[in-house]
């Protein structure tokens, strides 16, 4: 009876902590944590607070007390990854060979270190796990081994993120027929429909792209594409269909996750264009991004593109992020980047950009991990 009461009590306090964390009332959340020093679920939430505050030593002190708790040890690995201590992260990860979340973290490390063979070998052990197989597809796409990537994609016909990668492959191959055919199976997925717009735009079928875009006019990446289409078709911007905000309330978390997926796709492609000397294509996208004041991770690509005056680029980027915070509310990643940008000796190069983008991607992975749990 006592154990059951304690479990129910912990569950109730978990809900209260979640509310405090959402409100960033970390002091009150810590007070609850102090009452349950031996409750893994509660202490895991305290660790998440310390990670958010970058107080990694405090987080690790807690983590060391729960060596058998896999969720907490996954958080420990996350800390080591943030610190760049991949040796300790891998050492810890090998203790949990059957945990797909932890092994996905191991694969992320191998990908960052470009140790693709190790990542592929590990991924083969989780051939039925869609998150890990998404990582495998990313490796094969990076290596231009499209047939291997497609073999994976065909095994997960219902996984929308994987099917989005399949469409990306077809686009890279110039196989627009298959891309459109596959995209038609996911008419309500804004990321996939954004890809469809790109396919039609490459074919010069701007009116078809426009029809798709107007259906998803609430979606930031599609707004960018629509702006480009309107310019091409010679329509004034004020002719854009107005979003019926009162009739289309978009769930914040869904909208955020959608933006993050597109950040990964669009940002890295623009950077790739720049590095492969396809600057004309990159610049046209960058110019549109500047007009639209698009999501900050994309804007960072603009700053990287402007290599002639990096100091000015840093100042402009910091100014933009501050405005973004006013509009979108609190965002710990953006706040940290603003602080870094204001440091005179802060290095501002491709590695800096990739670290920022990785933090954005980690958010998405965390939400996926919660879904698994």
Protein backbone atom coordinates (compact mmCIF):
# COMPACT_ATOMS: atom_id res chain seq x y z
CA UNK A 1 0.00 0.00 0.00
CA UNK A 2 2.83 2.36 0.94
CA UNK A 3 4.74 1.70 -2.29
CA UNK A 4 1.63 2.28 -4.36
CA UNK A 5 0.94 5.56 -2.57
CA UNK A 6 4.54 6.67 -3.11
CA UNK A 7 4.33 5.82 -6.82
CA UNK A 8 1.11 7.80 -7.20
CA UNK A 9 2.67 10.70 -5.31
CA UNK A 10 5.71 10.68 -7.59
CA UNK A 11 3.46 10.63 -10.67
CA UNK A 12 1.57 13.67 -9.42
CA UNK A 13 4.77 15.58 -8.66
CA UNK A 14 6.08 14.66 -12.12
CA UNK A 15 3.13 16.48 -13.66
CA UNK A 16 3.76 19.51 -11.45
CA UNK A 17 7.45 19.48 -12.43
CA UNK A 18 6.54 19.35 -16.11
CA UNK A 19 4.48 22.50 -15.63
CA UNK A 20 7.32 24.26 -13.79
CA UNK A 21 9.81 23.25 -16.48
CA UNK A 22 7.49 24.51 -19.22
CA UNK A 23 7.25 27.83 -17.36
CA UNK A 24 11.04 27.74 -16.77
CA UNK A 25 10.37 27.96 -13.04
CA UNK A 26 13.40 25.82 -12.33
CA UNK A 27 13.75 26.81 -8.67
CA UNK A 28 10.38 25.30 -7.77
CA UNK A 29 11.14 22.22 -9.87
CA UNK A 30 14.41 21.73 -7.99
CA UNK A 31 12.53 21.93 -4.68
CA UNK A 32 10.44 18.97 -5.76
CA UNK A 33 13.56 17.14 -6.84
CA UNK A 34 15.05 17.59 -3.38
CA UNK A 35 12.06 15.77 -1.87
CA UNK A 36 12.61 12.68 -4.03
CA UNK A 37 16.39 12.16 -4.27
CA UNK A 38 16.01 8.45 -5.01
CA UNK A 39 13.21 8.65 -7.59
CA UNK A 40 14.72 8.15 -11.07
CA UNK A 41 11.83 9.77 -12.94
CA UNK A 42 12.04 12.92 -10.82
CA UNK A 43 15.82 13.06 -10.93
CA UNK A 44 15.79 12.61 -14.70
CA UNK A 45 13.76 15.80 -14.96
CA UNK A 46 16.26 17.61 -12.74
CA UNK A 47 19.04 16.43 -15.05
CA UNK A 48 17.10 17.81 -18.03
CA UNK A 49 16.95 21.20 -16.28
CA UNK A 50 20.70 21.23 -15.66
CA UNK A 51 21.35 20.26 -19.28
CA UNK A 52 19.17 23.14 -20.43
CA UNK A 53 21.11 25.50 -18.14
CA UNK A 54 24.42 23.96 -19.29
CA UNK A 55 25.23 23.03 -15.70
CA UNK A 56 26.67 19.73 -16.78
CA UNK A 57 28.62 18.89 -13.63
CA UNK A 58 25.48 19.07 -11.50
CA UNK A 59 23.68 16.87 -14.00
CA UNK A 60 26.48 14.31 -13.96
CA UNK A 61 26.48 14.17 -10.16
CA UNK A 62 22.91 12.93 -10.34
CA UNK A 63 23.56 10.62 -13.26
CA UNK A 64 26.34 8.79 -11.44
CA UNK A 65 23.86 7.81 -8.72
CA UNK A 66 21.68 5.88 -11.17
CA UNK A 67 24.06 3.70 -13.22
CA UNK A 68 21.35 1.19 -14.15
CA UNK A 69 18.68 3.68 -15.18
CA UNK A 70 18.85 3.70 -18.96
CA UNK A 71 16.98 6.96 -19.50
CA UNK A 72 19.32 8.76 -17.12
CA UNK A 73 22.37 7.16 -18.71
CA UNK A 74 21.09 8.33 -22.08
CA UNK A 75 21.08 11.83 -20.61
CA UNK A 76 24.66 11.30 -19.42
CA UNK A 77 25.65 10.37 -22.96
CA UNK A 78 23.94 13.51 -24.22
CA UNK A 79 26.04 15.58 -21.81
CA UNK A 80 29.26 13.93 -22.95
CA UNK A 81 28.25 14.62 -26.55
CA UNK A 82 27.63 18.29 -25.79
CA UNK A 83 31.05 18.46 -24.13
CA UNK A 84 32.63 16.79 -27.15
CA UNK A 85 33.75 13.92 -24.93
CA UNK A 86 32.91 11.19 -27.40
CA UNK A 87 35.25 8.68 -25.75
CA UNK A 88 33.23 8.67 -22.53
CA UNK A 89 29.96 8.74 -24.45
CA UNK A 90 30.86 5.64 -26.45
CA UNK A 91 32.26 3.90 -23.36
CA UNK A 92 28.95 4.43 -21.58
CA UNK A 93 26.86 3.57 -24.62
CA UNK A 94 28.47 0.13 -24.97
CA UNK A 95 26.95 -0.82 -21.60
CA UNK A 96 23.46 -0.68 -23.09
CA UNK A 97 23.74 -2.53 -26.41
CA UNK A 98 20.02 -3.32 -26.65
CA UNK A 99 18.71 0.17 -25.95
CA UNK A 100 17.72 1.71 -29.32
CA UNK A 101 17.75 5.29 -28.04
CA UNK A 102 21.26 4.98 -26.65
CA UNK A 103 22.49 3.15 -29.73
CA UNK A 104 20.96 5.90 -31.88
CA UNK A 105 23.11 8.32 -29.88
CA UNK A 106 26.15 6.15 -30.64
CA UNK A 107 25.33 6.29 -34.33
CA UNK A 108 25.04 10.09 -34.12
CA UNK A 109 28.56 10.21 -32.67
CA UNK A 110 29.95 7.98 -35.40
CA UNK A 111 28.28 10.15 -38.04
CA UNK A 112 29.77 13.32 -36.53
CA UNK A 113 33.18 11.66 -36.51
CA UNK A 114 32.56 10.42 -40.08
CA UNK A 115 33.08 6.84 -38.92
CA UNK A 116 30.34 5.64 -41.21
CA UNK A 117 31.29 1.96 -41.21
CA UNK A 118 30.88 1.76 -37.44
CA UNK A 119 27.55 3.55 -37.69
CA UNK A 120 26.32 1.19 -40.41
CA UNK A 121 27.45 -1.89 -38.49
CA UNK A 122 25.57 -0.70 -35.42
CA UNK A 123 22.50 0.28 -37.42
CA UNK A 124 22.27 -3.22 -38.89
CA UNK A 125 21.42 -4.54 -35.41
CA UNK A 126 18.29 -2.36 -35.36
CA UNK A 127 16.94 -3.02 -38.82
CA UNK A 128 13.33 -2.63 -37.65
CA UNK A 129 13.81 0.65 -35.79
CA UNK A 130 12.62 3.55 -38.01
CA UNK A 131 14.61 6.25 -36.18
CA UNK A 132 17.89 4.36 -36.54
CA UNK A 133 17.09 3.41 -40.12
CA UNK A 134 16.47 7.07 -40.86
CA UNK A 135 20.04 7.66 -39.71
CA UNK A 136 21.23 4.86 -42.00
CA UNK A 137 19.47 6.46 -44.95
CA UNK A 138 21.13 9.79 -44.15
CA UNK A 139 24.54 8.11 -44.28
CA UNK A 140 23.83 6.46 -47.62
CA UNK A 141 22.47 9.69 -49.08
CA UNK A 142 25.59 11.52 -47.88
CA UNK A 143 27.73 8.85 -49.59
CA UNK A 144 25.50 8.98 -52.70
CA UNK A 145 24.69 5.28 -52.28
CA UNK A 146 21.09 5.85 -53.24
CA UNK A 147 20.16 2.23 -53.96
CA UNK A 148 21.11 1.16 -50.44
CA UNK A 149 19.10 4.05 -49.03
CA UNK A 150 16.09 3.07 -51.14
CA UNK A 151 16.27 -0.52 -49.91
CA UNK A 152 15.69 0.83 -46.42
CA UNK A 153 12.97 3.21 -47.54
CA UNK A 154 10.95 0.44 -49.16
CA UNK A 155 10.78 -1.39 -45.82
CA UNK A 156 9.04 1.53 -44.09
CA UNK A 157 6.26 2.67 -46.44
CA UNK A 158 4.25 4.24 -43.61
CA UNK A 159 7.11 6.17 -41.98
CA UNK A 160 6.68 9.69 -43.31
CA UNK A 161 10.16 10.96 -42.46
CA UNK A 162 11.73 7.99 -44.24
CA UNK A 163 9.46 8.51 -47.24
CA UNK A 164 10.52 12.16 -47.29
CA UNK A 165 14.10 10.91 -47.60
CA UNK A 166 13.01 8.66 -50.47
CA UNK A 167 11.59 11.68 -52.25
CA UNK A 168 14.84 13.53 -51.64
CA UNK A 169 16.71 10.67 -53.34
CA UNK A 170 14.38 10.71 -56.34
CA UNK A 171 14.91 14.47 -56.62
CA UNK A 172 18.69 14.05 -56.54
CA UNK A 173 18.38 11.43 -59.27
CA UNK A 174 16.11 13.69 -61.31
CA UNK A 175 13.37 11.06 -61.12
CA UNK A 176 10.51 13.50 -60.69
CA UNK A 177 7.84 10.99 -61.75
CA UNK A 178 8.56 8.73 -58.79
CA UNK A 179 8.97 11.69 -56.45
CA UNK A 180 5.52 13.03 -57.37
CA UNK A 181 3.95 9.57 -57.20
CA UNK A 182 5.29 9.03 -53.69
CA UNK A 183 4.46 12.54 -52.53
CA UNK A 184 0.83 12.03 -53.53
CA UNK A 185 0.55 9.35 -50.84
CA UNK A 186 1.12 11.93 -48.09
CA UNK A 187 -1.14 14.85 -49.03
CA UNK A 188 -1.34 16.23 -45.47
CA UNK A 189 2.38 16.18 -44.66
CA UNK A 190 3.68 19.76 -45.12
CA UNK A 191 7.34 18.73 -45.39
CA UNK A 192 6.62 16.25 -48.16
CA UNK A 193 4.32 18.72 -49.90
CA UNK A 194 7.08 21.31 -49.72
CA UNK A 195 9.25 18.80 -51.58
CA UNK A 196 6.49 18.42 -54.15
CA UNK A 197 6.52 22.16 -54.66
CA UNK A 198 10.28 22.01 -55.26
CA UNK A 199 9.79 19.27 -57.85
CA UNK A 200 7.16 21.26 -59.74
CA UNK A 201 9.23 24.44 -59.54
CA UNK A 202 12.23 22.63 -61.03
CA UNK A 203 9.97 21.52 -63.87
CA UNK A 204 8.64 25.04 -64.35
CA UNK A 205 5.15 23.99 -63.24
CA UNK A 206 4.66 26.98 -61.00
CA UNK A 207 0.86 26.94 -60.92
CA UNK A 208 0.81 23.37 -59.62
CA UNK A 209 3.34 24.31 -56.96
CA UNK A 210 1.26 27.38 -56.13
CA UNK A 211 -1.87 25.29 -55.54
CA UNK A 212 -0.02 23.11 -53.06
CA UNK A 213 1.54 26.10 -51.35
CA UNK A 214 -1.75 27.88 -50.82
CA UNK A 215 -3.09 24.83 -49.02
CA UNK A 216 -0.21 25.01 -46.55
CA UNK A 217 0.24 28.78 -46.42
CA UNK A 218 0.65 28.65 -42.62
CA UNK A 219 3.90 26.68 -42.99
CA UNK A 220 7.03 28.86 -42.90
CA UNK A 221 9.14 26.98 -45.49
CA UNK A 222 6.18 26.91 -47.86
CA UNK A 223 5.62 30.63 -47.33
CA UNK A 224 9.16 31.11 -48.60
CA UNK A 225 8.48 28.98 -51.65
CA UNK A 226 5.21 30.80 -52.31
CA UNK A 227 7.00 34.14 -52.20
CA UNK A 228 9.38 32.94 -54.88
CA UNK A 229 6.51 31.61 -57.01
CA UNK A 230 4.56 34.87 -56.76
CA UNK A 231 7.64 36.79 -57.88
CA UNK A 232 8.13 34.45 -60.84
CA UNK A 233 4.47 34.66 -61.85
CA UNK A 234 4.56 38.43 -61.55
CA UNK A 235 1.93 38.68 -58.86
CA UNK A 236 2.25 41.37 -56.22
CA UNK A 237 2.95 40.03 -52.75
CA UNK A 238 -0.20 41.55 -51.33
CA UNK A 239 -2.19 39.15 -53.53
CA UNK A 240 -1.08 36.26 -51.35
CA UNK A 241 -4.02 34.42 -49.81
CA UNK A 242 -4.51 35.45 -46.23
CA UNK A 243 -4.18 32.79 -43.60
CA UNK A 244 -7.47 32.18 -41.85
CA UNK A 245 -5.89 32.20 -38.43
CA UNK A 246 -9.15 31.88 -36.54
CA UNK A 247 -10.11 28.72 -38.44
CA UNK A 248 -6.65 27.14 -38.57
CA UNK A 249 -5.09 26.94 -35.15
CA UNK A 250 -1.82 25.11 -35.54
CA UNK A 251 -0.49 23.11 -32.64
CA UNK A 252 2.76 24.78 -31.52
CA UNK A 253 4.69 21.55 -31.04
CA UNK A 254 3.71 20.20 -34.45
CA UNK A 255 4.61 23.48 -36.12
CA UNK A 256 7.96 23.56 -34.31
CA UNK A 257 8.83 19.98 -35.25
CA UNK A 258 7.91 20.66 -38.87
CA UNK A 259 10.18 23.70 -38.98
CA UNK A 260 13.03 21.72 -37.45
CA UNK A 261 12.77 18.96 -40.07
CA UNK A 262 12.91 21.53 -42.84
CA UNK A 263 15.85 23.31 -41.20
CA UNK A 264 17.90 20.15 -41.54
CA UNK A 265 16.96 19.71 -45.19
CA UNK A 266 17.13 23.29 -46.44
CA UNK A 267 20.10 24.54 -44.41
CA UNK A 268 22.42 21.72 -45.28
CA UNK A 269 21.46 21.83 -48.96
CA UNK A 270 22.21 25.56 -49.16
CA UNK A 271 25.56 25.01 -47.46
CA UNK A 272 26.29 22.20 -49.91
CA UNK A 273 25.48 24.48 -52.85
CA UNK A 274 27.85 27.12 -51.51
CA UNK A 275 30.67 24.65 -51.00
CA UNK A 276 30.24 23.03 -54.41
CA UNK A 277 30.42 26.44 -56.10
CA UNK A 278 26.71 26.47 -56.98
CA UNK A 279 26.62 29.99 -55.60
CA UNK A 280 24.04 31.36 -58.01
CA UNK A 281 21.45 28.85 -56.83
CA UNK A 282 22.45 29.38 -53.19
CA UNK A 283 22.32 33.16 -53.47
CA UNK A 284 18.81 33.15 -54.95
CA UNK A 285 17.57 31.13 -51.98
CA UNK A 286 19.54 33.25 -49.52
CA UNK A 287 18.05 36.44 -50.96
CA UNK A 288 14.55 35.04 -50.52
CA UNK A 289 15.37 34.01 -46.96
CA UNK A 290 16.51 37.52 -46.13
CA UNK A 291 13.26 38.95 -47.51
CA UNK A 292 11.13 36.50 -45.56
CA UNK A 293 13.13 36.78 -42.30
CA UNK A 294 13.05 33.04 -42.15
CA UNK A 295 13.97 30.75 -39.24
CA UNK A 296 17.35 31.65 -37.69
CA UNK A 297 19.11 28.39 -38.49
CA UNK A 298 18.59 29.12 -42.17
CA UNK A 299 19.63 32.72 -41.76
CA UNK A 300 22.95 31.57 -40.38
CA UNK A 301 23.65 30.15 -43.81
CA UNK A 302 23.25 33.68 -45.17
CA UNK A 303 25.85 34.93 -42.72
CA UNK A 304 28.22 32.15 -43.75
CA UNK A 305 27.65 33.05 -47.37
CA UNK A 306 28.66 36.65 -46.69
CA UNK A 307 32.33 35.91 -46.03
CA UNK A 308 33.50 39.38 -47.00
CA UNK A 309 32.38 41.00 -43.76
CA UNK A 310 31.93 38.38 -41.05
CA UNK A 311 31.79 40.96 -38.25
CA UNK A 312 28.83 42.65 -39.89
CA UNK A 313 27.22 39.28 -40.54
CA UNK A 314 27.53 38.39 -36.85
CA UNK A 315 25.96 41.68 -35.79
CA UNK A 316 23.08 41.30 -38.23
CA UNK A 317 22.48 37.73 -37.19
CA UNK A 318 22.42 38.61 -33.47
CA UNK A 319 20.00 41.45 -34.18
CA UNK A 320 17.73 39.12 -36.14
CA UNK A 321 17.71 36.51 -33.38
CA UNK A 322 16.73 39.09 -30.79
CA UNK A 323 13.74 40.05 -32.94
CA UNK A 324 12.93 36.37 -33.41
CA UNK A 325 12.84 35.90 -29.64
CA UNK A 326 10.37 38.78 -29.31
CA UNK A 327 8.08 37.09 -31.82
CA UNK A 328 8.39 33.41 -30.94
CA UNK A 329 9.07 33.60 -27.22
CA UNK A 330 11.73 32.00 -25.08
CA UNK A 331 14.18 29.68 -26.80
CA UNK A 332 17.27 28.54 -24.91
CA UNK A 333 19.26 27.62 -28.02
CA UNK A 334 18.67 31.01 -29.62
CA UNK A 335 19.46 32.84 -26.38
CA UNK A 336 22.79 31.05 -26.08
CA UNK A 337 23.66 31.82 -29.69
CA UNK A 338 22.94 35.52 -29.15
CA UNK A 339 25.32 35.52 -26.20
CA UNK A 340 28.03 33.82 -28.22
CA UNK A 341 27.62 36.14 -31.17
CA UNK A 342 28.32 39.14 -28.94
CA UNK A 343 31.71 37.77 -27.91
CA UNK A 344 34.38 39.52 -29.97
CA UNK A 345 36.63 36.46 -30.17
CA UNK A 346 33.83 34.01 -30.96
CA UNK A 347 34.71 31.95 -34.00
CA UNK A 348 32.02 32.14 -36.65
CA UNK A 349 32.62 29.50 -39.30
CA UNK A 350 31.11 26.34 -40.74
CA UNK A 351 31.78 24.36 -37.55
CA UNK A 352 29.94 27.02 -35.56
CA UNK A 353 27.00 26.77 -37.92
CA UNK A 354 26.92 22.96 -37.76
CA UNK A 355 26.99 22.98 -33.95
CA UNK A 356 24.00 25.33 -33.92
CA UNK A 357 22.12 23.19 -36.41
CA UNK A 358 22.95 20.07 -34.40
CA UNK A 359 21.36 21.60 -31.31
CA UNK A 360 18.19 22.19 -33.29
CA UNK A 361 18.23 18.60 -34.53
CA UNK A 362 18.78 17.28 -31.01
CA UNK A 363 15.49 18.85 -29.96
CA UNK A 364 13.69 16.86 -32.60
CA UNK A 365 15.47 13.65 -31.59
CA UNK A 366 14.44 14.22 -27.98
CA UNK A 367 10.79 14.46 -29.01
CA UNK A 368 11.16 11.24 -31.01
CA UNK A 369 12.72 9.51 -28.01
CA UNK A 370 9.79 10.56 -25.84
CA UNK A 371 7.44 9.00 -28.39
CA UNK A 372 9.34 5.69 -28.15
CA UNK A 373 9.16 5.75 -24.38
